[in-house]
Amino acid sequence: MEMLLEGAFWVALSQIMLVNIVLSGDNAVVIALACRNLPVQYRNPAVMAGSGGAIALRIIFCVIVAWLLQIPYLKIAGALLLFWIGVKLITEDEEEGGENGVAAKANLWGAIQTIIIADAVMSLDNAIAIAAAAEQAAKGDAFRAWTLIVIGLLITIPIIVFGSQIIMRIMQRYPIVIVIGGALLGFVAGEMLISDKALIGDERRPGDMRGWFAEQLAAVFAPSAQPGTEAYAAWANHALHYLELGCGVLGAILTIVLGRWLAARAARRRAIDLAENRTPAVDLADGGRGPKE
């Protein structure tokens, strides 16, 4: 397979793996919670079977989402949703304590069902992010997109399942990993937004907004190239590539900036609430002098 020898394939695969790992921390916790009451000899079989079912469902989700992204305007909607997922990834606080509402099962099949169902419910954001990254890298090649999805999931889900504690420690110790993951989602969202069929169509045509913009750049940087010539087309293609790259970088920057701003605002609100709760009540009957020393 020639695609396995291409550097772009491995870059895209790395993106998918990083996105899946960063977004799957809660899924790893679900697996641990579902299996915690099982006898020791049943825990590994439950994890293996449940994870296998989760992999199958996630592949199905990703393929469906990748197919839906071919419909005009859905890439725009998906890009906005993906952008928000990236922002939320940076801003959301880790919940302390509790068990995430996941019931521990004392029998093998109950634990397997819990793992599969919980993973399916929690994996919509993963599916959107993975399918978007694969579709952008595949450039319309369905086989390449599905290959990226399947290989990426087959590699990362076992890592998540069996290395969940290590992954969570790394994220807690190095929060920059979360920021990088959020920025990557923003980058994919930016590229996906500008590649919607509503903007580019199936082929180049006068109504192609991206193509028009690329041609304007080509006219500026290659004024001697005549429309319809190979030189002009080459410049237009280069401009189109840089347009996608620029939109991706802009999406990454916006994700980080908005995520950090929302996180800072939430922190200020928590500080104000904490200060108000700690303010001693004033006894009006005591003349408003406050508590006695």
C-alpha atoms as a PDB file:
ATOM      1  CA  MET A   1       0.000   0.000   0.000  1.00  0.00           C
ATOM      2  CA  GLU A   2       1.629   3.173  -1.231  1.00  0.00           C
ATOM      3  CA  MET A   3      -0.144   5.362   1.323  1.00  0.00           C
ATOM      4  CA  LEU A   4       1.844   3.708   4.135  1.00  0.00           C
ATOM      5  CA  LEU A   5       5.024   5.140   2.608  1.00  0.00           C
ATOM      6  CA  GLU A   6       3.709   8.701   2.597  1.00  0.00           C
ATOM      7  CA  GLY A   7       4.727  11.084   5.358  1.00  0.00           C
ATOM      8  CA  ALA A   8       1.322  12.802   5.226  1.00  0.00           C
ATOM      9  CA  PHE A   9      -0.378   9.507   6.118  1.00  0.00           C
ATOM     10  CA  TRP A  10       1.657   9.113   9.304  1.00  0.00           C
ATOM     11  CA  VAL A  11       1.172  12.761  10.262  1.00  0.00           C
ATOM     12  CA  ALA A  12      -2.598  12.329   9.928  1.00  0.00           C
ATOM     13  CA  LEU A  13      -2.473   9.067  11.885  1.00  0.00           C
ATOM     14  CA  SER A  14      -0.543  10.803  14.675  1.00  0.00           C
ATOM     15  CA  GLN A  15      -3.194  13.544  14.797  1.00  0.00           C
ATOM     16  CA  ILE A  16      -5.983  10.974  15.109  1.00  0.00           C
ATOM     17  CA  MET A  17      -4.159   9.076  17.850  1.00  0.00           C
ATOM     18  CA  LEU A  18      -3.454  12.233  19.871  1.00  0.00           C
ATOM     19  CA  VAL A  19      -7.048  13.451  19.556  1.00  0.00           C
ATOM     20  CA  ASN A  20      -8.445  10.069  20.605  1.00  0.00           C
ATOM     21  CA  ILE A  21      -6.122   9.772  23.605  1.00  0.00           C
ATOM     22  CA  VAL A  22      -6.784  13.307  24.847  1.00  0.00           C
ATOM     23  CA  LEU A  23     -10.574  12.975  24.495  1.00  0.00           C
ATOM     24  CA  SER A  24     -10.787   9.487  26.021  1.00  0.00           C
ATOM     25  CA  GLY A  25      -9.709  10.119  29.606  1.00  0.00           C
ATOM     26  CA  ASP A  26     -13.287   9.786  30.903  1.00  0.00           C
ATOM     27  CA  ASN A  27     -13.790   6.581  28.915  1.00  0.00           C
ATOM     28  CA  ALA A  28     -10.838   4.995  30.715  1.00  0.00           C
ATOM     29  CA  VAL A  29     -12.391   5.954  34.061  1.00  0.00           C
ATOM     30  CA  VAL A  30     -15.693   4.358  32.993  1.00  0.00           C
ATOM     31  CA  ILE A  31     -13.944   1.055  32.305  1.00  0.00           C
ATOM     32  CA  ALA A  32     -12.287   1.076  35.720  1.00  0.00           C
ATOM     33  CA  LEU A  33     -15.553   1.926  37.492  1.00  0.00           C
ATOM     34  CA  ALA A  34     -17.587  -0.713  35.656  1.00  0.00           C
ATOM     35  CA  CYS A  35     -15.123  -3.468  36.565  1.00  0.00           C
ATOM     36  CA  ARG A  36     -14.257  -2.515  40.120  1.00  0.00           C
ATOM     37  CA  ASN A  37     -16.634  -5.022  41.785  1.00  0.00           C
ATOM     38  CA  LEU A  38     -15.754  -7.955  39.531  1.00  0.00           C
ATOM     39  CA  PRO A  39     -13.702 -10.847  40.876  1.00  0.00           C
ATOM     40  CA  VAL A  40     -10.054 -10.401  39.926  1.00  0.00           C
ATOM     41  CA  GLN A  41     -10.108 -13.286  37.433  1.00  0.00           C
ATOM     42  CA  TYR A  42     -12.953 -11.659  35.468  1.00  0.00           C
ATOM     43  CA  ARG A  43     -11.595  -8.114  35.234  1.00  0.00           C
ATOM     44  CA  ASN A  44      -9.236  -8.599  32.297  1.00  0.00           C
ATOM     45  CA  PRO A  45     -11.809 -10.563  30.213  1.00  0.00           C
ATOM     46  CA  ALA A  46     -14.388  -7.827  30.896  1.00  0.00           C
ATOM     47  CA  VAL A  47     -11.953  -5.101  29.852  1.00  0.00           C
ATOM     48  CA  MET A  48     -10.939  -6.999  26.701  1.00  0.00           C
ATOM     49  CA  ALA A  49     -14.504  -7.823  25.600  1.00  0.00           C
ATOM     50  CA  GLY A  50     -15.901  -4.416  26.508  1.00  0.00           C
ATOM     51  CA  SER A  51     -13.062  -2.621  24.753  1.00  0.00           C
ATOM     52  CA  GLY A  52     -13.537  -4.780  21.651  1.00  0.00           C
ATOM     53  CA  GLY A  53     -17.197  -3.820  21.478  1.00  0.00           C
ATOM     54  CA  ALA A  54     -16.295  -0.173  22.079  1.00  0.00           C
ATOM     55  CA  ILE A  55     -13.774  -0.246  19.211  1.00  0.00           C
ATOM     56  CA  ALA A  56     -16.379  -1.697  16.829  1.00  0.00           C
ATOM     57  CA  LEU A  57     -19.000   0.894  17.770  1.00  0.00           C
ATOM     58  CA  ARG A  58     -16.545   3.772  17.550  1.00  0.00           C
ATOM     59  CA  ILE A  59     -15.412   2.691  14.079  1.00  0.00           C
ATOM     60  CA  ILE A  60     -19.067   2.590  12.967  1.00  0.00           C
ATOM     61  CA  PHE A  61     -19.677   6.053  14.451  1.00  0.00           C
ATOM     62  CA  CYS A  62     -16.606   7.489  12.737  1.00  0.00           C
ATOM     63  CA  VAL A  63     -17.502   6.026   9.338  1.00  0.00           C
ATOM     64  CA  ILE A  64     -21.057   7.400   9.588  1.00  0.00           C
ATOM     65  CA  VAL A  65     -19.793  10.852  10.599  1.00  0.00           C
ATOM     66  CA  ALA A  66     -17.178  10.824   7.811  1.00  0.00           C
ATOM     67  CA  TRP A  67     -19.937  10.017   5.295  1.00  0.00           C
ATOM     68  CA  LEU A  68     -22.206  12.755   6.658  1.00  0.00           C
ATOM     69  CA  LEU A  69     -19.401  15.302   6.318  1.00  0.00           C
ATOM     70  CA  GLN A  70     -19.662  14.928   2.524  1.00  0.00           C
ATOM     71  CA  ILE A  71     -23.068  16.655   2.587  1.00  0.00           C
ATOM     72  CA  PRO A  72     -22.896  20.422   1.895  1.00  0.00           C
ATOM     73  CA  TYR A  73     -23.008  22.657   4.983  1.00  0.00           C
ATOM     74  CA  LEU A  74     -22.486  19.742   7.386  1.00  0.00           C
ATOM     75  CA  LYS A  75     -18.736  20.343   7.408  1.00  0.00           C
ATOM     76  CA  ILE A  76     -19.405  23.906   8.501  1.00  0.00           C
ATOM     77  CA  ALA A  77     -21.658  22.675  11.307  1.00  0.00           C
ATOM     78  CA  GLY A  78     -19.165  19.945  12.206  1.00  0.00           C
ATOM     79  CA  ALA A  79     -16.301  22.446  12.241  1.00  0.00           C
ATOM     80  CA  LEU A  80     -18.159  24.729  14.652  1.00  0.00           C
ATOM     81  CA  LEU A  81     -18.987  21.771  16.895  1.00  0.00           C
ATOM     82  CA  LEU A  82     -15.391  20.544  16.742  1.00  0.00           C
ATOM     83  CA  PHE A  83     -14.160  24.038  17.590  1.00  0.00           C
ATOM     84  CA  TRP A  84     -16.407  24.070  20.661  1.00  0.00           C
ATOM     85  CA  ILE A  85     -15.184  20.612  21.707  1.00  0.00           C
ATOM     86  CA  GLY A  86     -11.622  21.947  21.599  1.00  0.00           C
ATOM     87  CA  VAL A  87     -12.579  25.010  23.661  1.00  0.00           C
ATOM     88  CA  LYS A  88     -14.432  22.838  26.171  1.00  0.00           C
ATOM     89  CA  LEU A  89     -11.438  20.526  26.443  1.00  0.00           C
ATOM     90  CA  ILE A  90      -9.286  23.450  27.578  1.00  0.00           C
ATOM     91  CA  THR A  91     -11.861  25.049  29.892  1.00  0.00           C
ATOM     92  CA  GLU A  92     -13.619  22.171  31.563  1.00  0.00           C
ATOM     93  CA  ASP A  93     -12.631  21.384  35.124  1.00  0.00           C
ATOM     94  CA  GLU A  94     -11.969  17.879  36.281  1.00  0.00           C
ATOM     95  CA  GLU A  95     -14.720  16.596  38.525  1.00  0.00           C
ATOM     96  CA  GLU A  96     -13.413  15.623  41.906  1.00  0.00           C
ATOM     97  CA  GLY A  97     -14.680  12.488  43.578  1.00  0.00           C
ATOM     98  CA  GLY A  98     -17.879  10.772  42.601  1.00  0.00           C
ATOM     99  CA  GLU A  99     -18.243   7.894  40.217  1.00  0.00           C
ATOM    100  CA  ASN A 100     -19.588   9.631  37.109  1.00  0.00           C
ATOM    101  CA  GLY A 101     -22.898   7.812  37.555  1.00  0.00           C
ATOM    102  CA  VAL A 102     -21.408   4.514  36.370  1.00  0.00           C
ATOM    103  CA  ALA A 103     -22.721   1.537  38.287  1.00  0.00           C
ATOM    104  CA  ALA A 104     -20.256  -1.139  39.257  1.00  0.00           C
ATOM    105  CA  LYS A 105     -21.261  -4.598  38.026  1.00  0.00           C
ATOM    106  CA  ALA A 106     -20.641  -7.804  39.924  1.00  0.00           C
ATOM    107  CA  ASN A 107     -21.010 -10.084  36.881  1.00  0.00           C
ATOM    108  CA  LEU A 108     -18.935 -10.338  33.712  1.00  0.00           C
ATOM    109  CA  TRP A 109     -21.654  -9.664  31.112  1.00  0.00           C
ATOM    110  CA  GLY A 110     -23.063  -6.753  33.070  1.00  0.00           C
ATOM    111  CA  ALA A 111     -19.638  -5.099  33.166  1.00  0.00           C
ATOM    112  CA  ILE A 112     -19.115  -5.686  29.425  1.00  0.00           C
ATOM    113  CA  GLN A 113     -22.495  -4.130  28.602  1.00  0.00           C
ATOM    114  CA  THR A 114     -21.778  -1.147  30.847  1.00  0.00           C
ATOM    115  CA  ILE A 115     -18.413  -0.527  29.170  1.00  0.00           C
ATOM    116  CA  ILE A 116     -19.851  -0.709  25.638  1.00  0.00           C
ATOM    117  CA  ILE A 117     -22.933   1.439  26.341  1.00  0.00           C
ATOM    118  CA  ALA A 118     -21.070   4.073  28.359  1.00  0.00           C
ATOM    119  CA  ASP A 119     -18.299   4.310  25.767  1.00  0.00           C
ATOM    120  CA  ALA A 120     -20.846   4.706  22.970  1.00  0.00           C
ATOM    121  CA  VAL A 121     -22.660   7.502  24.808  1.00  0.00           C
ATOM    122  CA  MET A 122     -19.423   9.329  25.647  1.00  0.00           C
ATOM    123  CA  SER A 123     -17.730   8.915  22.253  1.00  0.00           C
ATOM    124  CA  LEU A 124     -19.665  11.314  20.020  1.00  0.00           C
ATOM    125  CA  ASP A 125     -17.046  14.048  20.392  1.00  0.00           C
ATOM    126  CA  ASN A 126     -14.292  11.502  19.685  1.00  0.00           C
ATOM    127  CA  ALA A 127     -16.090  10.297  16.565  1.00  0.00           C
ATOM    128  CA  ILE A 128     -16.548  13.824  15.212  1.00  0.00           C
ATOM    129  CA  ALA A 129     -12.917  14.770  15.875  1.00  0.00           C
ATOM    130  CA  ILE A 130     -11.440  11.540  14.480  1.00  0.00           C
ATOM    131  CA  ALA A 131     -13.672  11.491  11.400  1.00  0.00           C
ATOM    132  CA  ALA A 132     -12.912  15.154  10.697  1.00  0.00           C
ATOM    133  CA  ALA A 133      -9.153  14.637  10.978  1.00  0.00           C
ATOM    134  CA  ALA A 134      -9.280  11.541   8.764  1.00  0.00           C
ATOM    135  CA  GLU A 135     -11.522  13.160   6.148  1.00  0.00           C
ATOM    136  CA  GLN A 136      -9.317  16.246   5.938  1.00  0.00           C
ATOM    137  CA  ALA A 137      -6.174  14.144   5.523  1.00  0.00           C
ATOM    138  CA  ALA A 138      -7.799  11.828   2.974  1.00  0.00           C
ATOM    139  CA  LYS A 139      -8.876  14.699   0.679  1.00  0.00           C
ATOM    140  CA  GLY A 140     -11.944  12.819  -0.521  1.00  0.00           C
ATOM    141  CA  ASP A 141     -10.330   9.353  -0.659  1.00  0.00           C
ATOM    142  CA  ALA A 142     -12.814   7.230   1.307  1.00  0.00           C
ATOM    143  CA  PHE A 143     -10.514   4.196   1.532  1.00  0.00           C
ATOM    144  CA  ARG A 144      -7.692   6.303   2.950  1.00  0.00           C
ATOM    145  CA  ALA A 145     -10.055   7.921   5.472  1.00  0.00           C
ATOM    146  CA  TRP A 146     -11.384   4.571   6.688  1.00  0.00           C
ATOM    147  CA  THR A 147      -7.863   3.155   6.871  1.00  0.00           C
ATOM    148  CA  LEU A 148      -6.769   6.074   9.053  1.00  0.00           C
ATOM    149  CA  ILE A 149      -9.817   5.688  11.300  1.00  0.00           C
ATOM    150  CA  VAL A 150      -9.467   1.928  11.784  1.00  0.00           C
ATOM    151  CA  ILE A 151      -5.685   1.927  12.334  1.00  0.00           C
ATOM    152  CA  GLY A 152      -5.860   4.950  14.642  1.00  0.00           C
ATOM    153  CA  LEU A 153      -8.548   3.383  16.821  1.00  0.00           C
ATOM    154  CA  LEU A 154      -6.968  -0.077  16.871  1.00  0.00           C
ATOM    155  CA  ILE A 155      -3.710   1.439  18.122  1.00  0.00           C
ATOM    156  CA  THR A 156      -5.002   3.995  20.606  1.00  0.00           C
ATOM    157  CA  ILE A 157      -7.919   2.268  22.343  1.00  0.00           C
ATOM    158  CA  PRO A 158      -5.752  -0.531  23.825  1.00  0.00           C
ATOM    159  CA  ILE A 159      -3.307   2.170  24.962  1.00  0.00           C
ATOM    160  CA  ILE A 160      -6.173   4.051  26.608  1.00  0.00           C
ATOM    161  CA  VAL A 161      -7.603   0.938  28.256  1.00  0.00           C
ATOM    162  CA  PHE A 162      -4.412  -0.521  29.671  1.00  0.00           C
ATOM    163  CA  GLY A 163      -2.464   2.691  30.155  1.00  0.00           C
ATOM    164  CA  SER A 164      -5.286   4.891  31.417  1.00  0.00           C
ATOM    165  CA  GLN A 165      -3.646   5.625  34.756  1.00  0.00           C
ATOM    166  CA  ILE A 166      -0.362   6.595  33.089  1.00  0.00           C
ATOM    167  CA  ILE A 167      -2.157   8.779  30.540  1.00  0.00           C
ATOM    168  CA  MET A 168      -4.148  10.572  33.243  1.00  0.00           C
ATOM    169  CA  ARG A 169      -1.000  11.183  35.307  1.00  0.00           C
ATOM    170  CA  ILE A 170       0.746  12.662  32.255  1.00  0.00           C
ATOM    171  CA  MET A 171      -2.203  14.982  31.592  1.00  0.00           C
ATOM    172  CA  GLN A 172      -2.313  16.059  35.235  1.00  0.00           C
ATOM    173  CA  ARG A 173       1.430  16.648  35.409  1.00  0.00           C
ATOM    174  CA  TYR A 174       1.733  18.312  32.001  1.00  0.00           C
ATOM    175  CA  PRO A 175      -1.464  20.331  31.323  1.00  0.00           C
ATOM    176  CA  ILE A 176       0.134  21.548  28.084  1.00  0.00           C
ATOM    177  CA  VAL A 177      -0.884  18.175  26.595  1.00  0.00           C
ATOM    178  CA  ILE A 178      -4.546  19.182  26.987  1.00  0.00           C
ATOM    179  CA  VAL A 179      -3.871  22.574  25.411  1.00  0.00           C
ATOM    180  CA  ILE A 180      -2.088  20.925  22.468  1.00  0.00           C
ATOM    181  CA  GLY A 181      -5.033  18.567  22.005  1.00  0.00           C
ATOM    182  CA  GLY A 182      -7.494  21.466  22.043  1.00  0.00           C
ATOM    183  CA  ALA A 183      -5.364  23.421  19.566  1.00  0.00           C
ATOM    184  CA  LEU A 184      -5.236  20.389  17.270  1.00  0.00           C
ATOM    185  CA  LEU A 185      -9.035  20.194  17.299  1.00  0.00           C
ATOM    186  CA  GLY A 186      -9.195  23.900  16.457  1.00  0.00           C
ATOM    187  CA  PHE A 187      -6.729  23.386  13.609  1.00  0.00           C
ATOM    188  CA  VAL A 188      -8.789  20.547  12.130  1.00  0.00           C
ATOM    189  CA  ALA A 189     -11.967  22.620  12.568  1.00  0.00           C
ATOM    190  CA  GLY A 190     -10.446  25.557  10.685  1.00  0.00           C
ATOM    191  CA  GLU A 191      -9.348  23.379   7.771  1.00  0.00           C
ATOM    192  CA  MET A 192     -12.693  21.577   7.702  1.00  0.00           C
ATOM    193  CA  LEU A 193     -14.690  24.809   7.738  1.00  0.00           C
ATOM    194  CA  ILE A 194     -13.048  26.124   4.569  1.00  0.00           C
ATOM    195  CA  SER A 195     -13.380  22.780   2.752  1.00  0.00           C
ATOM    196  CA  ASP A 196     -17.173  22.420   2.922  1.00  0.00           C
ATOM    197  CA  LYS A 197     -18.754  21.555  -0.430  1.00  0.00           C
ATOM    198  CA  ALA A 198     -20.990  24.587  -0.092  1.00  0.00           C
ATOM    199  CA  LEU A 199     -17.827  26.686  -0.468  1.00  0.00           C
ATOM    200  CA  ILE A 200     -15.823  24.628  -2.963  1.00  0.00           C
ATOM    201  CA  GLY A 201     -18.306  22.401  -4.798  1.00  0.00           C
ATOM    202  CA  ASP A 202     -17.332  19.133  -6.403  1.00  0.00           C
ATOM    203  CA  GLU A 203     -15.194  20.798  -9.057  1.00  0.00           C
ATOM    204  CA  ARG A 204     -13.638  24.196  -9.699  1.00  0.00           C
ATOM    205  CA  ARG A 205     -16.213  26.628 -11.052  1.00  0.00           C
ATOM    206  CA  PRO A 206     -16.838  30.415 -11.051  1.00  0.00           C
ATOM    207  CA  GLY A 207     -18.909  30.121  -7.872  1.00  0.00           C
ATOM    208  CA  ASP A 208     -16.078  28.386  -6.028  1.00  0.00           C
ATOM    209  CA  MET A 209     -15.250  30.828  -3.206  1.00  0.00           C
ATOM    210  CA  ARG A 210     -12.011  29.126  -2.196  1.00  0.00           C
ATOM    211  CA  GLY A 211     -10.919  28.865  -5.807  1.00  0.00           C
ATOM    212  CA  TRP A 212     -11.689  32.542  -6.405  1.00  0.00           C
ATOM    213  CA  PHE A 213      -9.605  33.549  -3.387  1.00  0.00           C
ATOM    214  CA  ALA A 214      -6.729  31.314  -4.500  1.00  0.00           C
ATOM    215  CA  GLU A 215      -6.837  32.833  -7.977  1.00  0.00           C
ATOM    216  CA  GLN A 216      -6.660  36.353  -6.526  1.00  0.00           C
ATOM    217  CA  LEU A 217      -3.549  35.401  -4.565  1.00  0.00           C
ATOM    218  CA  ALA A 218      -2.047  33.815  -7.657  1.00  0.00           C
ATOM    219  CA  ALA A 219      -2.720  37.001  -9.610  1.00  0.00           C
ATOM    220  CA  VAL A 220      -0.884  39.036  -6.956  1.00  0.00           C
ATOM    221  CA  PHE A 221       2.152  36.786  -6.522  1.00  0.00           C
ATOM    222  CA  ALA A 222       2.380  35.545 -10.110  1.00  0.00           C
ATOM    223  CA  PRO A 223       1.113  38.425 -12.274  1.00  0.00           C
ATOM    224  CA  SER A 224       2.933  37.113 -15.327  1.00  0.00           C
ATOM    225  CA  ALA A 225       1.060  33.805 -15.250  1.00  0.00           C
ATOM    226  CA  GLN A 226      -1.933  33.766 -17.561  1.00  0.00           C
ATOM    227  CA  PRO A 227      -5.232  32.157 -16.493  1.00  0.00           C
ATOM    228  CA  GLY A 228      -5.560  28.672 -17.909  1.00  0.00           C
ATOM    229  CA  THR A 229      -1.807  28.015 -17.976  1.00  0.00           C
ATOM    230  CA  GLU A 230      -0.040  25.385 -15.878  1.00  0.00           C
ATOM    231  CA  ALA A 231       1.946  28.062 -14.030  1.00  0.00           C
ATOM    232  CA  TYR A 232      -1.234  29.878 -13.073  1.00  0.00           C
ATOM    233  CA  ALA A 233      -2.890  26.644 -11.906  1.00  0.00           C
ATOM    234  CA  ALA A 234       0.191  25.756  -9.843  1.00  0.00           C
ATOM    235  CA  TRP A 235       0.129  29.133  -8.096  1.00  0.00           C
ATOM    236  CA  ALA A 236      -3.618  28.799  -7.467  1.00  0.00           C
ATOM    237  CA  ASN A 237      -3.110  25.357  -5.926  1.00  0.00           C
ATOM    238  CA  HIS A 238      -0.320  26.665  -3.688  1.00  0.00           C
ATOM    239  CA  ALA A 239      -2.524  29.552  -2.616  1.00  0.00           C
ATOM    240  CA  LEU A 240      -5.346  27.115  -1.862  1.00  0.00           C
ATOM    241  CA  HIS A 241      -3.027  25.030   0.305  1.00  0.00           C
ATOM    242  CA  TYR A 242      -1.880  28.068   2.266  1.00  0.00           C
ATOM    243  CA  LEU A 243      -5.478  29.211   2.648  1.00  0.00           C
ATOM    244  CA  GLU A 244      -6.376  25.895   4.317  1.00  0.00           C
ATOM    245  CA  LEU A 245      -3.244  26.035   6.462  1.00  0.00           C
ATOM    246  CA  GLY A 246      -3.981  29.614   7.501  1.00  0.00           C
ATOM    247  CA  CYS A 247      -7.557  28.754   8.464  1.00  0.00           C
ATOM    248  CA  GLY A 248      -6.274  25.805  10.499  1.00  0.00           C
ATOM    249  CA  VAL A 249      -3.730  27.952  12.359  1.00  0.00           C
ATOM    250  CA  LEU A 250      -6.386  30.603  12.987  1.00  0.00           C
ATOM    251  CA  GLY A 251      -8.733  27.930  14.352  1.00  0.00           C
ATOM    252  CA  ALA A 252      -6.013  26.631  16.698  1.00  0.00           C
ATOM    253  CA  ILE A 253      -5.231  30.136  17.985  1.00  0.00           C
ATOM    254  CA  LEU A 254      -8.912  30.979  18.524  1.00  0.00           C
ATOM    255  CA  THR A 255      -9.450  27.711  20.391  1.00  0.00           C
ATOM    256  CA  ILE A 256      -6.592  28.404  22.801  1.00  0.00           C
ATOM    257  CA  VAL A 257      -7.482  32.079  23.320  1.00  0.00           C
ATOM    258  CA  LEU A 258     -11.206  31.461  23.869  1.00  0.00           C
ATOM    259  CA  GLY A 259     -10.557  28.402  26.034  1.00  0.00           C
ATOM    260  CA  ARG A 260      -8.080  30.249  28.258  1.00  0.00           C
ATOM    261  CA  TRP A 261     -10.389  33.270  28.519  1.00  0.00           C
ATOM    262  CA  LEU A 262     -13.382  31.152  29.540  1.00  0.00           C
ATOM    263  CA  ALA A 263     -11.242  29.242  32.040  1.00  0.00           C
ATOM    264  CA  ALA A 264      -9.969  32.502  33.574  1.00  0.00           C
ATOM    265  CA  ARG A 265     -13.507  33.888  33.790  1.00  0.00           C
ATOM    266  CA  ALA A 266     -14.730  30.713  35.500  1.00  0.00           C
ATOM    267  CA  ALA A 267     -11.817  30.893  37.959  1.00  0.00           C
ATOM    268  CA  ARG A 268     -12.685  34.504  38.829  1.00  0.00           C
ATOM    269  CA  ARG A 269     -16.306  33.548  39.430  1.00  0.00           C
ATOM    270  CA  ARG A 270     -15.280  30.691  41.711  1.00  0.00           C
ATOM    271  CA  ALA A 271     -12.966  33.022  43.641  1.00  0.00           C
ATOM    272  CA  ILE A 272     -15.778  35.565  44.088  1.00  0.00           C
ATOM    273  CA  ASP A 273     -18.234  32.872  45.210  1.00  0.00           C
ATOM    274  CA  LEU A 274     -15.678  31.488  47.645  1.00  0.00           C
ATOM    275  CA  ALA A 275     -14.970  34.945  49.064  1.00  0.00           C
ATOM    276  CA  GLU A 276     -18.689  35.642  49.504  1.00  0.00           C
ATOM    277  CA  ASN A 277     -19.234  32.327  51.264  1.00  0.00           C
ATOM    278  CA  ARG A 278     -16.349  33.026  53.644  1.00  0.00           C
ATOM    279  CA  THR A 279     -17.485  36.574  54.497  1.00  0.00           C
ATOM    280  CA  PRO A 280     -18.632  36.530  58.160  1.00  0.00           C
ATOM    281  CA  ALA A 281     -22.227  37.473  58.714  1.00  0.00           C
ATOM    282  CA  VAL A 282     -22.776  40.863  60.381  1.00  0.00           C
ATOM    283  CA  ASP A 283     -25.023  40.861  63.427  1.00  0.00           C
ATOM    284  CA  LEU A 284     -27.275  43.897  62.997  1.00  0.00           C
ATOM    285  CA  ALA A 285     -28.302  43.656  66.637  1.00  0.00           C
ATOM    286  CA  ASP A 286     -24.661  44.196  67.557  1.00  0.00           C
ATOM    287  CA  GLY A 287     -24.544  47.482  65.730  1.00  0.00           C
ATOM    288  CA  GLY A 288     -22.929  46.002  62.626  1.00  0.00           C
ATOM    289  CA  ARG A 289     -19.584  45.639  64.394  1.00  0.00           C
ATOM    290  CA  GLY A 290     -19.216  42.016  63.308  1.00  0.00           C
ATOM    291  CA  PRO A 291     -18.121  39.060  65.429  1.00  0.00           C
ATOM    292  CA  LYS A 292     -16.430  39.713  68.727  1.00  0.00           C
ATOM    293  CA  GLU A 293     -12.737  38.922  69.034  1.00  0.00           C
END
